[in-house]
Protein backbone atom coordinates (compact mmCIF):
# COMPACT_ATOMS: atom_id res chain seq x y z
CA MET A 1 141.59 159.90 -22.67
CA LYS A 2 138.28 159.04 -20.96
CA ASN A 3 136.93 162.49 -21.86
CA ILE A 4 137.66 161.87 -25.54
CA GLN A 5 135.86 158.52 -25.38
CA LYS A 6 132.84 160.13 -23.71
CA LEU A 7 132.81 162.90 -26.31
CA LEU A 8 133.02 160.34 -29.10
CA ILE A 9 130.13 158.32 -27.65
CA VAL A 10 127.97 161.45 -27.32
CA ALA A 11 128.77 162.45 -30.92
CA VAL A 12 127.86 158.99 -32.26
CA LEU A 13 124.57 158.97 -30.32
CA PHE A 14 123.75 162.48 -31.56
CA PHE A 15 124.28 161.57 -35.20
CA ALA A 16 122.35 158.31 -34.83
CA GLY A 17 119.41 160.24 -33.36
CA PHE A 18 119.62 162.83 -36.13
CA ALA A 19 119.56 160.09 -38.79
CA ALA A 20 116.46 158.53 -37.20
CA VAL A 21 114.65 161.90 -37.17
CA GLN A 22 115.65 162.53 -40.79
CA ALA A 23 114.32 159.11 -41.86
CA GLN A 24 111.01 159.77 -40.06
CA SER A 25 110.58 163.15 -41.76
CA GLU A 26 111.20 161.59 -45.21
CA THR A 27 108.59 158.92 -44.48
CA GLU A 28 106.17 161.60 -43.24
CA LYS A 29 106.70 163.59 -46.45
CA PHE A 30 105.86 160.47 -48.45
CA PHE A 31 102.56 159.80 -46.66
CA VAL A 32 101.26 163.36 -46.09
CA GLY A 33 98.95 164.35 -48.95
CA LYS A 34 95.97 162.96 -50.88
CA TRP A 35 95.77 159.32 -51.87
CA LYS A 36 93.32 157.62 -54.23
CA LEU A 37 92.67 154.20 -52.69
CA MET A 38 90.90 151.20 -54.17
CA VAL A 39 89.50 148.95 -51.44
CA TYR A 40 88.71 145.46 -52.72
CA GLY A 41 86.07 143.02 -51.49
CA LEU A 42 83.81 145.31 -49.44
CA PRO A 43 80.24 144.03 -48.97
CA ASN A 44 78.95 146.63 -51.46
CA GLY A 45 81.74 145.84 -53.93
CA ASP A 46 85.14 147.31 -54.68
CA THR A 47 85.17 150.96 -53.63
CA GLU A 48 87.35 153.94 -54.50
CA MET A 49 88.13 156.25 -51.57
CA VAL A 50 90.22 159.33 -51.02
CA LEU A 51 92.56 159.34 -48.01
CA ASN A 52 93.79 162.80 -47.08
CA ILE A 53 96.68 162.68 -44.59
CA THR A 54 97.57 165.98 -42.92
CA LYS A 55 100.16 167.19 -40.44
CA ASN A 56 98.63 169.27 -37.64
CA SER A 57 100.20 172.39 -36.14
CA ASP A 58 101.25 170.38 -33.06
CA GLY A 59 103.18 167.93 -35.28
CA SER A 60 100.66 165.09 -35.00
CA LEU A 61 99.06 163.46 -38.02
CA GLY A 62 95.38 163.61 -38.91
CA GLY A 63 93.14 163.56 -41.92
CA THR A 64 90.01 162.18 -43.53
CA ILE A 65 88.91 159.18 -45.59
CA GLY A 66 85.91 158.68 -47.83
CA GLY A 67 84.48 160.60 -50.75
CA ASP A 68 84.85 164.33 -51.19
CA ASP A 69 85.88 166.32 -48.12
CA ALA A 70 82.26 167.16 -47.20
CA ASN A 71 81.35 163.46 -46.87
CA ALA A 72 84.66 162.15 -45.53
CA ASN A 73 85.17 160.49 -42.15
CA LYS A 74 87.71 162.04 -39.81
CA LEU A 75 90.67 159.85 -38.83
CA THR A 76 90.52 159.09 -35.10
CA LYS A 77 94.08 157.75 -35.09
CA ALA A 78 96.93 158.44 -37.49
CA GLU A 79 100.57 157.41 -37.03
CA ILE A 80 103.59 156.18 -38.91
CA GLU A 81 105.77 153.27 -37.81
CA GLY A 82 108.64 152.43 -40.13
CA ASN A 83 107.32 152.53 -43.70
CA THR A 84 103.71 151.93 -42.64
CA PHE A 85 100.89 154.42 -42.02
CA TYR A 86 98.26 153.27 -39.50
CA ALA A 87 94.86 154.93 -39.08
CA ASN A 88 91.43 154.39 -37.60
CA PHE A 89 88.11 156.01 -38.47
CA ILE A 90 84.45 155.55 -37.57
CA GLY A 91 82.51 154.01 -40.47
CA ASN A 92 78.82 153.12 -40.09
CA GLY A 93 79.23 153.26 -36.31
CA TYR A 94 82.24 150.92 -36.23
CA ASN A 95 85.87 151.66 -35.42
CA VAL A 96 87.67 150.69 -38.64
CA PRO A 97 91.46 150.20 -38.67
CA LEU A 98 93.56 150.41 -41.80
CA TYR A 99 97.19 150.43 -42.75
CA ILE A 100 99.10 151.21 -45.92
CA GLU A 101 102.74 150.43 -46.69
CA LYS A 102 105.03 152.22 -49.10
CA LYS A 103 105.47 150.13 -52.27
CA GLY A 104 107.04 152.63 -54.66
CA ASP A 105 107.50 156.34 -55.29
CA LYS A 106 103.76 157.06 -55.25
CA LYS A 107 102.23 153.64 -54.56
CA VAL A 108 100.92 151.97 -51.41
CA GLU A 109 99.34 148.64 -50.52
CA GLY A 110 97.62 147.63 -47.33
CA SER A 111 94.48 146.41 -45.65
CA MET A 112 91.29 147.76 -44.14
CA ASN A 113 89.94 145.93 -41.10
CA ASP A 114 92.48 143.16 -41.85
CA MET A 115 89.97 141.79 -44.38
CA PHE A 116 89.92 144.07 -47.41
CA ASP A 117 92.97 144.70 -49.61
CA ILE A 118 93.95 148.27 -50.45
CA GLU A 119 95.97 149.61 -53.37
CA GLY A 120 96.62 153.31 -53.68
CA THR A 121 98.29 156.07 -55.66
CA LYS A 122 99.28 159.52 -54.41
CA ILE A 123 97.35 162.27 -56.19
CA LYS A 124 98.72 165.35 -54.36
């Protein structure tokens, strides 16, 4: 009887772990790609940026933010926690944090440097 209980506990833990991995991969699929972001209230005025989130061959996340790819800043940090994507990049010599949260099928909202609101739409 104890063996059956142990087997049942192992099975429940396995399926719970599988469900967590599946949820993470769905969230990753949502965020990976190109996003058109509008950042409001920057010193030079509201600015449109492109955030390109990629998945590297080692499974980590990376990407760029800025204008076209030639002038974009590389993300120095990129990770997902829950339904939120967190990133950092170097802009004008400063480490700039940002986050965006899922707000619909192809919509996100967030903040840059905890001062400037972000709204975005997935474009690829």
